[in-house]
Each structure stands twice: as structure tokens, then as C-alpha cells.
């Protein structure tokens, strides 16, 4: 898997690269809820769609008309996320 900017590419068995999903960031804690409400009103998100709360972020997953997953991320503790990645890498050694 390769992360290039806001696009994640997956390497398949035949060595071709494909886009797995696209992500973007919203700036503060209230924005994810407001954004999801707007997406629902415009028909881009299902009525039952909700903000997914994770340890370091709040996220919304939607699909574009071609089925490409779009991951909208609102960081609640971005530094904590990166610190956790460092710990995970050190534990793998």
C-alpha cells in the first residue's frame, strides 16, 4: 500500500496499482457533524449514515458515483495518532 498525498494506492498481485480510497480532512470537532448533515441533504450520504468515532479521529465514509470510497477525517488528536504509530513500529522490531 502506498500513500501519496490524499490518495491511497494498493499494489495487486499483477503489480498494477489501483486507488483504494481518497481522504480529506475537516478542521474542527463540529465540522464533521455539519458536513454530514449537508451531505445527507444533498443526497450524497444515506439518511442512516453517521460519524464514526475512533480513538484519534471522527470519520465519515461515503462513496462517489463510481463507487470510490471517500474518507473524510476530523482529527481529535492527530499528534496522539502519530505517536501511537511510532510505538507500534518500535514494538514490531
N, C-alpha and C. Protein backbone atom coordinates (compact mmCIF):
# COMPACT_ATOMS: atom_id res chain seq x y z
N UNK A 1 0.86 -1.18 0.00
CA UNK A 1 0.00 0.00 0.00
C UNK A 1 0.90 1.23 0.00
N UNK A 2 0.52 2.22 -0.76
CA UNK A 2 1.28 3.46 -0.86
C UNK A 2 0.35 4.64 -0.57
N UNK A 3 0.79 5.57 0.26
CA UNK A 3 0.03 6.79 0.49
C UNK A 3 0.71 7.92 -0.25
N UNK A 4 0.01 8.50 -1.18
CA UNK A 4 0.54 9.61 -1.97
C UNK A 4 -0.40 10.78 -1.77
N UNK A 5 0.01 11.73 -0.94
CA UNK A 5 -0.88 12.85 -0.64
C UNK A 5 -2.13 12.33 0.03
N UNK A 6 -3.27 12.58 -0.58
CA UNK A 6 -4.54 12.16 -0.01
C UNK A 6 -5.11 10.95 -0.74
N UNK A 7 -4.31 10.25 -1.51
CA UNK A 7 -4.77 9.09 -2.26
C UNK A 7 -4.00 7.86 -1.78
N UNK A 8 -4.70 6.78 -1.50
CA UNK A 8 -4.07 5.53 -1.11
C UNK A 8 -4.09 4.58 -2.29
N UNK A 9 -2.93 4.06 -2.66
CA UNK A 9 -2.83 3.12 -3.77
C UNK A 9 -2.53 1.73 -3.23
N UNK A 10 -3.16 0.72 -3.81
CA UNK A 10 -2.91 -0.66 -3.41
C UNK A 10 -2.19 -1.37 -4.53
N UNK A 11 -1.20 -2.16 -4.18
CA UNK A 11 -0.46 -2.95 -5.16
C UNK A 11 -1.13 -4.33 -5.24
N UNK A 12 -1.55 -4.73 -6.42
CA UNK A 12 -2.20 -6.02 -6.57
C UNK A 12 -1.19 -7.09 -6.97
N UNK A 13 -1.64 -8.33 -7.08
CA UNK A 13 -0.76 -9.45 -7.41
C UNK A 13 -0.05 -9.27 -8.76
N UNK A 14 -0.73 -8.63 -9.72
CA UNK A 14 -0.12 -8.47 -11.03
C UNK A 14 0.68 -7.17 -11.15
N UNK A 15 1.01 -6.57 -9.99
CA UNK A 15 1.85 -5.38 -9.91
C UNK A 15 1.23 -4.11 -10.46
N UNK A 16 -0.06 -4.12 -10.76
CA UNK A 16 -0.74 -2.89 -11.17
C UNK A 16 -1.14 -2.14 -9.90
N UNK A 17 -1.21 -0.85 -9.98
CA UNK A 17 -1.64 -0.06 -8.84
C UNK A 17 -3.08 0.38 -9.05
N UNK A 18 -3.84 0.36 -7.98
CA UNK A 18 -5.22 0.84 -8.06
C UNK A 18 -5.49 1.75 -6.87
N UNK A 19 -6.43 2.64 -7.01
CA UNK A 19 -6.78 3.55 -5.93
C UNK A 19 -7.76 2.84 -5.01
N UNK A 20 -7.44 2.82 -3.72
CA UNK A 20 -8.29 2.19 -2.72
C UNK A 20 -9.34 3.18 -2.21
N UNK A 21 -8.89 4.34 -1.78
CA UNK A 21 -9.82 5.38 -1.35
C UNK A 21 -9.11 6.73 -1.31
N UNK A 22 -9.91 7.77 -1.21
CA UNK A 22 -9.41 9.15 -1.15
C UNK A 22 -9.83 9.70 0.20
N UNK A 23 -8.93 10.45 0.85
CA UNK A 23 -9.32 11.05 2.11
C UNK A 23 -9.09 12.54 2.10
N UNK A 24 -9.83 13.22 2.96
CA UNK A 24 -9.70 14.66 3.12
C UNK A 24 -9.94 14.96 4.60
N UNK A 25 -9.56 16.14 5.02
CA UNK A 25 -9.66 16.49 6.43
C UNK A 25 -10.59 17.67 6.63
N UNK A 26 -11.35 17.63 7.75
CA UNK A 26 -12.14 18.78 8.17
C UNK A 26 -11.44 19.38 9.38
N UNK A 27 -11.68 20.65 9.65
CA UNK A 27 -10.79 21.36 10.58
C UNK A 27 -11.10 21.28 12.06
N UNK A 28 -12.34 21.11 12.48
CA UNK A 28 -12.57 21.06 13.93
C UNK A 28 -13.72 20.12 14.28
N UNK A 29 -13.91 19.90 15.56
CA UNK A 29 -14.82 18.86 16.05
C UNK A 29 -16.25 19.03 15.56
N UNK A 30 -16.75 20.24 15.41
CA UNK A 30 -18.13 20.43 14.96
C UNK A 30 -18.29 20.22 13.46
N UNK A 31 -17.22 20.32 12.69
CA UNK A 31 -17.33 20.27 11.24
C UNK A 31 -17.80 18.94 10.68
N UNK A 32 -17.40 17.82 11.24
CA UNK A 32 -17.80 16.52 10.71
C UNK A 32 -19.32 16.37 10.78
N UNK A 33 -19.92 16.78 11.89
CA UNK A 33 -21.37 16.68 12.02
C UNK A 33 -22.09 17.59 11.04
N UNK A 34 -21.61 18.82 10.91
CA UNK A 34 -22.22 19.76 9.96
C UNK A 34 -22.06 19.28 8.52
N UNK A 35 -20.87 18.78 8.21
CA UNK A 35 -20.62 18.28 6.87
C UNK A 35 -21.52 17.11 6.53
N UNK A 36 -21.68 16.17 7.45
CA UNK A 36 -22.53 15.01 7.20
C UNK A 36 -23.98 15.45 6.99
N UNK A 37 -24.43 16.41 7.75
CA UNK A 37 -25.81 16.91 7.57
C UNK A 37 -25.98 17.47 6.16
N UNK A 38 -25.01 18.25 5.69
CA UNK A 38 -25.08 18.80 4.33
C UNK A 38 -25.04 17.70 3.28
N UNK A 39 -24.18 16.70 3.48
CA UNK A 39 -24.10 15.59 2.53
C UNK A 39 -25.42 14.83 2.45
N UNK A 40 -26.09 14.65 3.58
CA UNK A 40 -27.39 13.98 3.59
C UNK A 40 -28.43 14.81 2.85
N UNK A 41 -28.46 16.12 3.11
CA UNK A 41 -29.43 16.99 2.45
C UNK A 41 -29.26 17.00 0.93
N UNK A 42 -28.03 16.86 0.46
CA UNK A 42 -27.76 16.87 -0.98
C UNK A 42 -27.83 15.48 -1.59
N UNK A 43 -28.08 14.46 -0.77
CA UNK A 43 -28.21 13.10 -1.28
C UNK A 43 -26.91 12.36 -1.47
N UNK A 44 -25.81 12.88 -0.95
CA UNK A 44 -24.51 12.22 -1.09
C UNK A 44 -24.25 11.19 0.00
N UNK A 45 -25.01 11.25 1.08
CA UNK A 45 -24.88 10.29 2.18
C UNK A 45 -26.26 9.77 2.53
N UNK A 46 -26.33 8.51 2.91
CA UNK A 46 -27.60 7.90 3.29
C UNK A 46 -28.11 8.48 4.60
N UNK A 47 -29.41 8.47 4.77
CA UNK A 47 -30.02 9.03 5.97
C UNK A 47 -29.49 8.36 7.24
N UNK A 48 -29.18 7.06 7.16
CA UNK A 48 -28.70 6.34 8.34
C UNK A 48 -27.20 6.48 8.57
N UNK A 49 -26.50 7.17 7.67
CA UNK A 49 -25.06 7.38 7.82
C UNK A 49 -24.77 8.17 9.08
N UNK A 50 -23.68 7.84 9.76
CA UNK A 50 -23.31 8.57 10.97
C UNK A 50 -21.80 8.79 10.99
N UNK A 51 -21.38 9.69 11.87
CA UNK A 51 -19.95 9.95 12.06
C UNK A 51 -19.38 8.80 12.89
N UNK A 52 -18.29 8.22 12.43
CA UNK A 52 -17.64 7.11 13.14
C UNK A 52 -16.58 7.70 14.06
N UNK A 53 -16.72 7.43 15.33
CA UNK A 53 -15.78 7.95 16.33
C UNK A 53 -14.70 6.90 16.57
N UNK A 54 -13.46 7.32 16.35
CA UNK A 54 -12.30 6.45 16.58
C UNK A 54 -11.44 7.06 17.68
N UNK A 55 -10.38 6.38 18.05
CA UNK A 55 -9.56 6.84 19.17
C UNK A 55 -8.97 8.24 18.94
N UNK A 56 -8.55 8.52 17.70
CA UNK A 56 -7.88 9.79 17.43
C UNK A 56 -8.61 10.66 16.41
N UNK A 57 -9.76 10.21 15.96
CA UNK A 57 -10.46 10.96 14.91
C UNK A 57 -11.94 10.65 14.89
N UNK A 58 -12.65 11.44 14.12
CA UNK A 58 -14.06 11.20 13.80
C UNK A 58 -14.11 11.17 12.28
N UNK A 59 -14.75 10.15 11.70
CA UNK A 59 -14.68 9.97 10.26
C UNK A 59 -16.04 9.71 9.64
N UNK A 60 -16.14 10.10 8.37
CA UNK A 60 -17.33 9.85 7.57
C UNK A 60 -16.85 9.12 6.32
N UNK A 61 -17.47 8.00 6.00
CA UNK A 61 -17.14 7.26 4.79
C UNK A 61 -18.32 7.36 3.84
N UNK A 62 -18.07 7.85 2.64
CA UNK A 62 -19.10 7.90 1.61
C UNK A 62 -18.50 7.35 0.32
N UNK A 63 -19.33 7.12 -0.67
CA UNK A 63 -18.83 6.65 -1.97
C UNK A 63 -19.24 7.64 -3.05
N UNK A 64 -18.34 7.83 -4.02
CA UNK A 64 -18.68 8.68 -5.16
C UNK A 64 -19.53 7.85 -6.13
N UNK A 65 -20.05 8.47 -7.18
CA UNK A 65 -20.91 7.74 -8.12
C UNK A 65 -20.25 6.52 -8.77
N UNK A 66 -18.92 6.48 -8.83
CA UNK A 66 -18.23 5.34 -9.40
C UNK A 66 -17.90 4.27 -8.36
N UNK A 67 -18.29 4.49 -7.11
CA UNK A 67 -18.03 3.51 -6.06
C UNK A 67 -16.74 3.72 -5.31
N UNK A 68 -16.01 4.79 -5.62
CA UNK A 68 -14.75 5.10 -4.92
C UNK A 68 -15.09 5.56 -3.50
N UNK A 69 -14.44 4.94 -2.51
CA UNK A 69 -14.67 5.34 -1.14
C UNK A 69 -13.95 6.64 -0.83
N UNK A 70 -14.66 7.55 -0.20
CA UNK A 70 -14.09 8.83 0.23
C UNK A 70 -14.15 8.86 1.75
N UNK A 71 -13.03 9.08 2.37
CA UNK A 71 -12.89 9.07 3.82
C UNK A 71 -12.65 10.51 4.26
N UNK A 72 -13.61 11.09 4.97
CA UNK A 72 -13.48 12.46 5.48
C UNK A 72 -13.11 12.36 6.95
N UNK A 73 -11.95 12.90 7.29
CA UNK A 73 -11.38 12.74 8.63
C UNK A 73 -11.36 14.07 9.38
N UNK A 74 -11.83 14.01 10.60
CA UNK A 74 -11.71 15.15 11.53
C UNK A 74 -10.82 14.67 12.66
N UNK A 75 -9.61 15.18 12.74
CA UNK A 75 -8.68 14.76 13.78
C UNK A 75 -9.09 15.34 15.12
N UNK A 76 -9.16 14.49 16.15
CA UNK A 76 -9.38 14.96 17.51
C UNK A 76 -8.08 14.94 18.30
N UNK A 77 -7.12 14.10 17.85
CA UNK A 77 -5.79 14.03 18.47
C UNK A 77 -4.80 13.50 17.43
N UNK A 78 -4.47 14.33 16.46
CA UNK A 78 -3.58 13.91 15.38
C UNK A 78 -2.19 13.54 15.90
N UNK A 79 -1.68 14.31 16.83
CA UNK A 79 -0.36 14.01 17.38
C UNK A 79 -0.39 12.67 18.11
N UNK A 80 -1.46 12.39 18.84
CA UNK A 80 -1.59 11.10 19.51
C UNK A 80 -1.59 9.95 18.52
N UNK A 81 -2.23 10.14 17.37
CA UNK A 81 -2.24 9.12 16.31
C UNK A 81 -0.82 8.83 15.84
N UNK A 82 -0.06 9.89 15.54
CA UNK A 82 1.31 9.69 15.06
C UNK A 82 2.22 9.12 16.15
N UNK A 83 2.00 9.52 17.39
CA UNK A 83 2.78 8.95 18.49
C UNK A 83 2.50 7.45 18.62
N UNK A 84 1.23 7.06 18.44
CA UNK A 84 0.86 5.65 18.51
C UNK A 84 1.50 4.85 17.38
N UNK A 85 1.60 5.44 16.19
CA UNK A 85 2.27 4.77 15.07
C UNK A 85 3.73 4.49 15.41
N UNK A 86 4.39 5.45 16.05
CA UNK A 86 5.79 5.26 16.43
C UNK A 86 5.93 4.11 17.41
N UNK A 87 5.01 4.03 18.38
CA UNK A 87 5.05 2.96 19.38
C UNK A 87 4.85 1.61 18.69
N UNK A 88 3.86 1.54 17.77
CA UNK A 88 3.60 0.28 17.06
C UNK A 88 4.82 -0.17 16.26
N UNK A 89 5.52 0.74 15.60
CA UNK A 89 6.70 0.39 14.82
C UNK A 89 7.81 -0.12 15.72
N UNK A 90 7.98 0.52 16.87
CA UNK A 90 9.02 0.09 17.80
C UNK A 90 8.73 -1.29 18.37
N UNK A 91 7.46 -1.62 18.60
CA UNK A 91 7.08 -2.93 19.13
C UNK A 91 7.29 -4.02 18.10
N UNK A 92 7.25 -3.70 16.82
CA UNK A 92 7.42 -4.69 15.76
C UNK A 92 8.89 -5.09 15.58
N UNK A 93 9.80 -4.30 16.12
CA UNK A 93 11.23 -4.60 15.96
C UNK A 93 11.66 -5.75 16.80
